Amino acid sequence: MKNVRKNSLGSSFDSFLEEEGIYEEVTLSAAKRVLAMQIEREMKKQDMSKAAMAHKMRTSRSALDRLLDPENTSITLQTLDKAAKSLGRRVKISLA
């Protein structure tokens, strides 16, 4: 049997991230990646090009590229709402 440190029993990945002081950053980045993937998936499902999506959102292609960039976490709720509405969807947000 492997030697397991007593203080590591029951620890979680979340606890590790908190100990490292990066929990919020990692959580926000992961949420943004998921949102970007969902938007891209829906665009493909609807066979919508980036140019068409930007036009429906009444924004620039570069603004859409920022929205779809999983590394860019500085996206407003208004931008997310415009993207969702352009795809016939809506944004749901909750506090946890």
C-alpha atoms as a PDB file:
ATOM      1  CA  MET A   1       0.000   0.000   0.000  1.00  0.00           C
ATOM      2  CA  LYS A   2       1.260   3.462  -0.876  1.00  0.00           C
ATOM      3  CA  ASN A   3       2.379   5.732   1.898  1.00  0.00           C
ATOM      4  CA  VAL A   4      -0.225   8.521   2.151  1.00  0.00           C
ATOM      5  CA  ARG A   5       0.374  11.633   4.223  1.00  0.00           C
ATOM      6  CA  LYS A   6      -2.224  12.108   6.914  1.00  0.00           C
ATOM      7  CA  ASN A   7      -2.991  15.729   5.920  1.00  0.00           C
ATOM      8  CA  SER A   8      -3.590  14.844   2.262  1.00  0.00           C
ATOM      9  CA  LEU A   9      -6.480  12.488   3.018  1.00  0.00           C
ATOM     10  CA  GLY A  10      -9.744  14.007   1.907  1.00  0.00           C
ATOM     11  CA  SER A  11      -8.127  16.986   0.229  1.00  0.00           C
ATOM     12  CA  SER A  12      -9.684  18.139  -3.017  1.00  0.00           C
ATOM     13  CA  PHE A  13      -8.547  19.912  -6.123  1.00  0.00           C
ATOM     14  CA  ASP A  14     -10.538  22.960  -5.021  1.00  0.00           C
ATOM     15  CA  SER A  15      -8.663  22.963  -1.724  1.00  0.00           C
ATOM     16  CA  PHE A  16      -5.369  22.780  -3.581  1.00  0.00           C
ATOM     17  CA  LEU A  17      -6.319  25.744  -5.767  1.00  0.00           C
ATOM     18  CA  GLU A  18      -7.397  27.709  -2.697  1.00  0.00           C
ATOM     19  CA  GLU A  19      -4.109  26.929  -0.955  1.00  0.00           C
ATOM     20  CA  GLU A  20      -2.242  28.163  -4.024  1.00  0.00           C
ATOM     21  CA  GLY A  21      -4.357  31.339  -4.067  1.00  0.00           C
ATOM     22  CA  ILE A  22      -5.620  30.749  -7.609  1.00  0.00           C
ATOM     23  CA  TYR A  23      -9.085  29.264  -7.056  1.00  0.00           C
ATOM     24  CA  GLU A  24     -11.058  32.272  -8.357  1.00  0.00           C
ATOM     25  CA  GLU A  25      -8.794  32.775 -11.370  1.00  0.00           C
ATOM     26  CA  VAL A  26      -8.974  29.120 -12.394  1.00  0.00           C
ATOM     27  CA  THR A  27     -12.722  28.912 -11.808  1.00  0.00           C
ATOM     28  CA  LEU A  28     -13.431  32.016 -13.898  1.00  0.00           C
ATOM     29  CA  SER A  29     -11.140  30.815 -16.665  1.00  0.00           C
ATOM     30  CA  ALA A  30     -12.863  27.426 -16.734  1.00  0.00           C
ATOM     31  CA  ALA A  31     -16.311  29.052 -16.850  1.00  0.00           C
ATOM     32  CA  LYS A  32     -15.225  31.284 -19.747  1.00  0.00           C
ATOM     33  CA  ARG A  33     -13.853  28.272 -21.646  1.00  0.00           C
ATOM     34  CA  VAL A  34     -17.167  26.466 -21.220  1.00  0.00           C
ATOM     35  CA  LEU A  35     -19.174  29.490 -22.391  1.00  0.00           C
ATOM     36  CA  ALA A  36     -16.939  29.997 -25.424  1.00  0.00           C
ATOM     37  CA  MET A  37     -17.263  26.307 -26.328  1.00  0.00           C
ATOM     38  CA  GLN A  38     -21.050  26.415 -25.935  1.00  0.00           C
ATOM     39  CA  ILE A  39     -21.345  29.470 -28.174  1.00  0.00           C
ATOM     40  CA  GLU A  40     -19.083  27.966 -30.836  1.00  0.00           C
ATOM     41  CA  ARG A  41     -20.963  24.651 -30.672  1.00  0.00           C
ATOM     42  CA  GLU A  42     -24.297  26.420 -31.148  1.00  0.00           C
ATOM     43  CA  MET A  43     -22.898  28.472 -34.033  1.00  0.00           C
ATOM     44  CA  LYS A  44     -21.776  25.248 -35.757  1.00  0.00           C
ATOM     45  CA  LYS A  45     -25.116  23.600 -35.038  1.00  0.00           C
ATOM     46  CA  GLN A  46     -26.866  26.520 -36.742  1.00  0.00           C
ATOM     47  CA  ASP A  47     -24.223  26.655 -39.495  1.00  0.00           C
ATOM     48  CA  MET A  48     -23.521  30.294 -38.609  1.00  0.00           C
ATOM     49  CA  SER A  49     -20.244  31.888 -39.651  1.00  0.00           C
ATOM     50  CA  LYS A  50     -18.352  34.301 -37.426  1.00  0.00           C
ATOM     51  CA  ALA A  51     -19.195  37.123 -39.817  1.00  0.00           C
ATOM     52  CA  ALA A  52     -22.911  36.299 -39.653  1.00  0.00           C
ATOM     53  CA  MET A  53     -22.792  35.991 -35.879  1.00  0.00           C
ATOM     54  CA  ALA A  54     -21.008  39.334 -35.492  1.00  0.00           C
ATOM     55  CA  HIS A  55     -23.602  40.918 -37.782  1.00  0.00           C
ATOM     56  CA  LYS A  56     -26.508  39.481 -35.749  1.00  0.00           C
ATOM     57  CA  MET A  57     -24.855  40.713 -32.547  1.00  0.00           C
ATOM     58  CA  ARG A  58     -24.341  44.144 -34.146  1.00  0.00           C
ATOM     59  CA  THR A  59     -20.672  44.031 -33.224  1.00  0.00           C
ATOM     60  CA  SER A  60     -17.313  43.616 -34.910  1.00  0.00           C
ATOM     61  CA  ARG A  61     -15.684  40.350 -35.842  1.00  0.00           C
ATOM     62  CA  SER A  62     -12.806  41.189 -33.484  1.00  0.00           C
ATOM     63  CA  ALA A  63     -15.266  41.620 -30.590  1.00  0.00           C
ATOM     64  CA  LEU A  64     -16.712  38.200 -31.393  1.00  0.00           C
ATOM     65  CA  ASP A  65     -13.204  36.735 -31.516  1.00  0.00           C
ATOM     66  CA  ARG A  66     -12.597  38.116 -27.990  1.00  0.00           C
ATOM     67  CA  LEU A  67     -15.834  36.501 -26.835  1.00  0.00           C
ATOM     68  CA  LEU A  68     -14.783  33.153 -28.309  1.00  0.00           C
ATOM     69  CA  ASP A  69     -11.220  33.403 -26.966  1.00  0.00           C
ATOM     70  CA  PRO A  70     -11.129  31.077 -23.941  1.00  0.00           C
ATOM     71  CA  GLU A  71      -8.220  33.058 -22.448  1.00  0.00           C
ATOM     72  CA  ASN A  72     -10.072  36.393 -22.495  1.00  0.00           C
ATOM     73  CA  THR A  73     -12.125  36.577 -19.302  1.00  0.00           C
ATOM     74  CA  SER A  74     -13.060  40.258 -19.588  1.00  0.00           C
ATOM     75  CA  ILE A  75     -16.432  39.737 -21.245  1.00  0.00           C
ATOM     76  CA  THR A  76     -19.510  41.625 -20.095  1.00  0.00           C
ATOM     77  CA  LEU A  77     -22.880  40.112 -19.334  1.00  0.00           C
ATOM     78  CA  GLN A  78     -24.323  42.345 -22.039  1.00  0.00           C
ATOM     79  CA  THR A  79     -22.017  40.762 -24.633  1.00  0.00           C
ATOM     80  CA  LEU A  80     -22.930  37.262 -23.453  1.00  0.00           C
ATOM     81  CA  ASP A  81     -26.614  38.179 -23.637  1.00  0.00           C
ATOM     82  CA  LYS A  82     -26.248  39.535 -27.187  1.00  0.00           C
ATOM     83  CA  ALA A  83     -24.486  36.340 -28.262  1.00  0.00           C
ATOM     84  CA  ALA A  84     -27.127  34.137 -26.677  1.00  0.00           C
ATOM     85  CA  LYS A  85     -30.001  36.095 -28.219  1.00  0.00           C
ATOM     86  CA  SER A  86     -28.300  35.998 -31.626  1.00  0.00           C
ATOM     87  CA  LEU A  87     -28.405  32.213 -31.347  1.00  0.00           C
ATOM     88  CA  GLY A  88     -31.987  32.115 -30.074  1.00  0.00           C
ATOM     89  CA  ARG A  89     -30.785  31.188 -26.596  1.00  0.00           C
ATOM     90  CA  ARG A  90     -30.569  32.908 -23.219  1.00  0.00           C
ATOM     91  CA  VAL A  91     -27.960  33.215 -20.467  1.00  0.00           C
ATOM     92  CA  LYS A  92     -28.663  31.752 -17.021  1.00  0.00           C
ATOM     93  CA  ILE A  93     -26.502  32.895 -14.110  1.00  0.00           C
ATOM     94  CA  SER A  94     -26.724  31.930 -10.468  1.00  0.00           C
ATOM     95  CA  LEU A  95     -24.801  32.501  -7.289  1.00  0.00           C
ATOM     96  CA  ALA A  96     -23.354  29.420  -5.658  1.00  0.00           C
END
